[in-house]
Structure formats: structure tokens, C-alpha cells
Amino acid sequence: MRHRIPQFLHLFSSDAYSAGYYSYLWSDTLSADAYEAFTEAGGPWDKTVAERLRKNVFATGNTVDPAVAYRAFRGRDPGIAALMRRRGFPVPSGAAKPVARSTESR
């Protein structure tokens, strides 16, 4: 077994490191899900998807809640399915289709 528990003890030894690791994992989840928007549209150079990403996420900066901005880009909340596929894991049945939500702030 390659990843025994001792190799991961540093993840749980302090709140600071575990919070940083969670942030890294969440950013990887978002990037995998966003990339799938491009592949669903036909490829990584799709101009329509790129414009939606620029307009709804990059151009808004921190003027809009990031969750609202991402929903405006993707039309739904991010899901873990894309990350699971990217890493070669089977996609859990509940993770296959994230729920679409309104782009309005709650």
C-alpha cells in the first residue's frame, strides 16, 4: 500500500495545514468542473464558454459572491464528478449531476 496513514498524519496535525489542503482540493474541484464546461461544448478553445467564464467569473472579481459567479458561468453548483473522472475514480451516482440553482444570491 503506497499511502499508509503515517504519510497523511501531517494533514491532520494542525488546523492550518488541513484547511490549506481542503482549499487546494476545492480549487482542483472547481477547475476540473470548469474544464468540463469546455469539453462538453466541444473542446478547450470554445469561445462561447470562454466568454461566459470571463464575463461571469474573471471580470466580476470579488464584486459578486464567488458561488453566485460560478453558478452564472456553469448554470449550476460545482460538483465532484469531473474531479473524480480526472483522477481515475468511479463517479458516485449522487455526484453525476449537480443540482441547478438560481444565480441569485441567497
Protein backbone atom coordinates (compact mmCIF):
# COMPACT_ATOMS: atom_id res chain seq x y z
CA MET A 1 0.00 0.00 0.00
CA ARG A 2 1.56 3.23 -1.15
CA HIS A 3 -0.29 5.74 1.04
CA ARG A 4 -0.26 4.44 4.56
CA ILE A 5 -1.67 6.53 7.37
CA PRO A 6 1.76 7.89 8.52
CA GLN A 7 2.17 9.68 5.17
CA PHE A 8 -1.01 11.65 5.86
CA LEU A 9 -0.62 12.44 9.55
CA HIS A 10 0.65 15.93 8.70
CA LEU A 11 -2.76 16.70 7.15
CA PHE A 12 -4.47 16.35 10.49
CA SER A 13 -1.76 17.55 12.86
CA SER A 14 -2.95 21.16 12.78
CA ASP A 15 -5.97 23.10 11.59
CA ALA A 16 -3.81 25.32 9.40
CA TYR A 17 -2.50 22.55 7.18
CA SER A 18 -5.80 20.71 6.90
CA ALA A 19 -7.58 23.95 5.95
CA GLY A 20 -4.95 24.62 3.29
CA TYR A 21 -5.29 21.12 1.90
CA TYR A 22 -9.07 21.46 1.78
CA SER A 23 -8.67 24.75 -0.13
CA TYR A 24 -6.32 23.08 -2.60
CA LEU A 25 -8.76 20.21 -3.11
CA TRP A 26 -11.70 22.58 -3.58
CA SER A 27 -9.79 24.63 -6.18
CA ASP A 28 -8.96 21.40 -8.03
CA THR A 29 -12.66 20.50 -7.93
CA LEU A 30 -13.62 23.87 -9.39
CA SER A 31 -11.00 23.74 -12.14
CA ALA A 32 -11.99 20.20 -13.17
CA ASP A 33 -15.67 21.14 -13.26
CA ALA A 34 -14.98 24.35 -15.21
CA TYR A 35 -12.80 22.48 -17.71
CA GLU A 36 -15.66 20.06 -18.32
CA ALA A 37 -17.79 23.02 -19.42
CA PHE A 38 -15.31 23.39 -22.28
CA THR A 39 -15.14 19.70 -23.14
CA GLU A 40 -18.94 19.46 -23.11
CA ALA A 41 -19.03 22.29 -25.63
CA GLY A 42 -16.55 20.61 -27.97
CA GLY A 43 -13.09 21.47 -26.73
CA PRO A 44 -10.84 23.65 -24.61
CA TRP A 45 -10.88 26.52 -27.13
CA ASP A 46 -14.65 27.05 -27.25
CA LYS A 47 -15.12 30.82 -27.47
CA THR A 48 -18.66 30.87 -26.11
CA VAL A 49 -17.70 29.04 -22.91
CA ALA A 50 -14.54 31.16 -22.59
CA GLU A 51 -16.61 34.33 -22.84
CA ARG A 52 -19.06 33.04 -20.21
CA LEU A 53 -16.13 32.26 -17.88
CA ARG A 54 -14.53 35.66 -18.48
CA LYS A 55 -17.79 37.58 -18.07
CA ASN A 56 -19.19 35.74 -15.06
CA VAL A 57 -16.08 34.79 -13.07
CA PHE A 58 -12.92 36.63 -14.08
CA ALA A 59 -14.39 40.07 -14.88
CA THR A 60 -16.54 40.23 -11.75
CA GLY A 61 -13.60 39.66 -9.43
CA ASN A 62 -14.75 39.83 -5.86
CA THR A 63 -17.72 42.12 -6.58
CA VAL A 64 -20.07 39.12 -6.67
CA ASP A 65 -20.23 36.18 -4.29
CA PRO A 66 -17.95 33.52 -5.86
CA ALA A 67 -20.68 30.85 -5.63
CA VAL A 68 -23.12 33.12 -7.47
CA ALA A 69 -20.49 33.94 -10.11
CA TYR A 70 -19.70 30.27 -10.68
CA ARG A 71 -23.40 29.41 -10.97
CA ALA A 72 -23.81 32.17 -13.55
CA PHE A 73 -20.95 30.64 -15.56
CA ARG A 74 -21.86 26.97 -15.23
CA GLY A 75 -25.62 27.18 -14.69
CA ARG A 76 -25.33 25.04 -11.57
CA ASP A 77 -23.22 24.48 -8.49
CA PRO A 78 -19.86 22.76 -8.96
CA GLY A 79 -19.79 19.00 -8.47
CA ILE A 80 -17.15 16.41 -7.72
CA ALA A 81 -17.85 14.21 -10.76
CA ALA A 82 -15.30 15.94 -13.00
CA LEU A 83 -12.57 15.69 -10.37
CA MET A 84 -13.32 12.01 -9.80
CA ARG A 85 -13.09 11.34 -13.56
CA ARG A 86 -9.87 13.37 -13.85
CA ARG A 87 -8.28 11.31 -11.08
CA GLY A 88 -9.49 7.99 -12.49
CA PHE A 89 -12.05 7.16 -9.82
CA PRO A 90 -15.56 5.90 -10.44
CA VAL A 91 -18.14 8.66 -10.16
CA PRO A 92 -20.57 8.13 -7.28
CA SER A 93 -24.15 8.01 -8.55
CA GLY A 94 -25.18 11.04 -6.48
CA ALA A 95 -22.28 13.11 -7.84
CA ALA A 96 -23.05 12.65 -11.51
CA LYS A 97 -25.46 15.57 -11.90
CA PRO A 98 -25.15 18.57 -9.59
CA VAL A 99 -28.37 20.41 -8.92
CA ALA A 100 -29.00 23.54 -10.98
CA ARG A 101 -29.74 26.55 -8.82
CA SER A 102 -30.69 30.13 -9.32
CA THR A 103 -27.81 32.54 -9.93
CA GLU A 104 -29.27 34.96 -7.39
CA SER A 105 -27.58 35.35 -4.03
CA ARG A 106 -29.21 33.61 -1.09
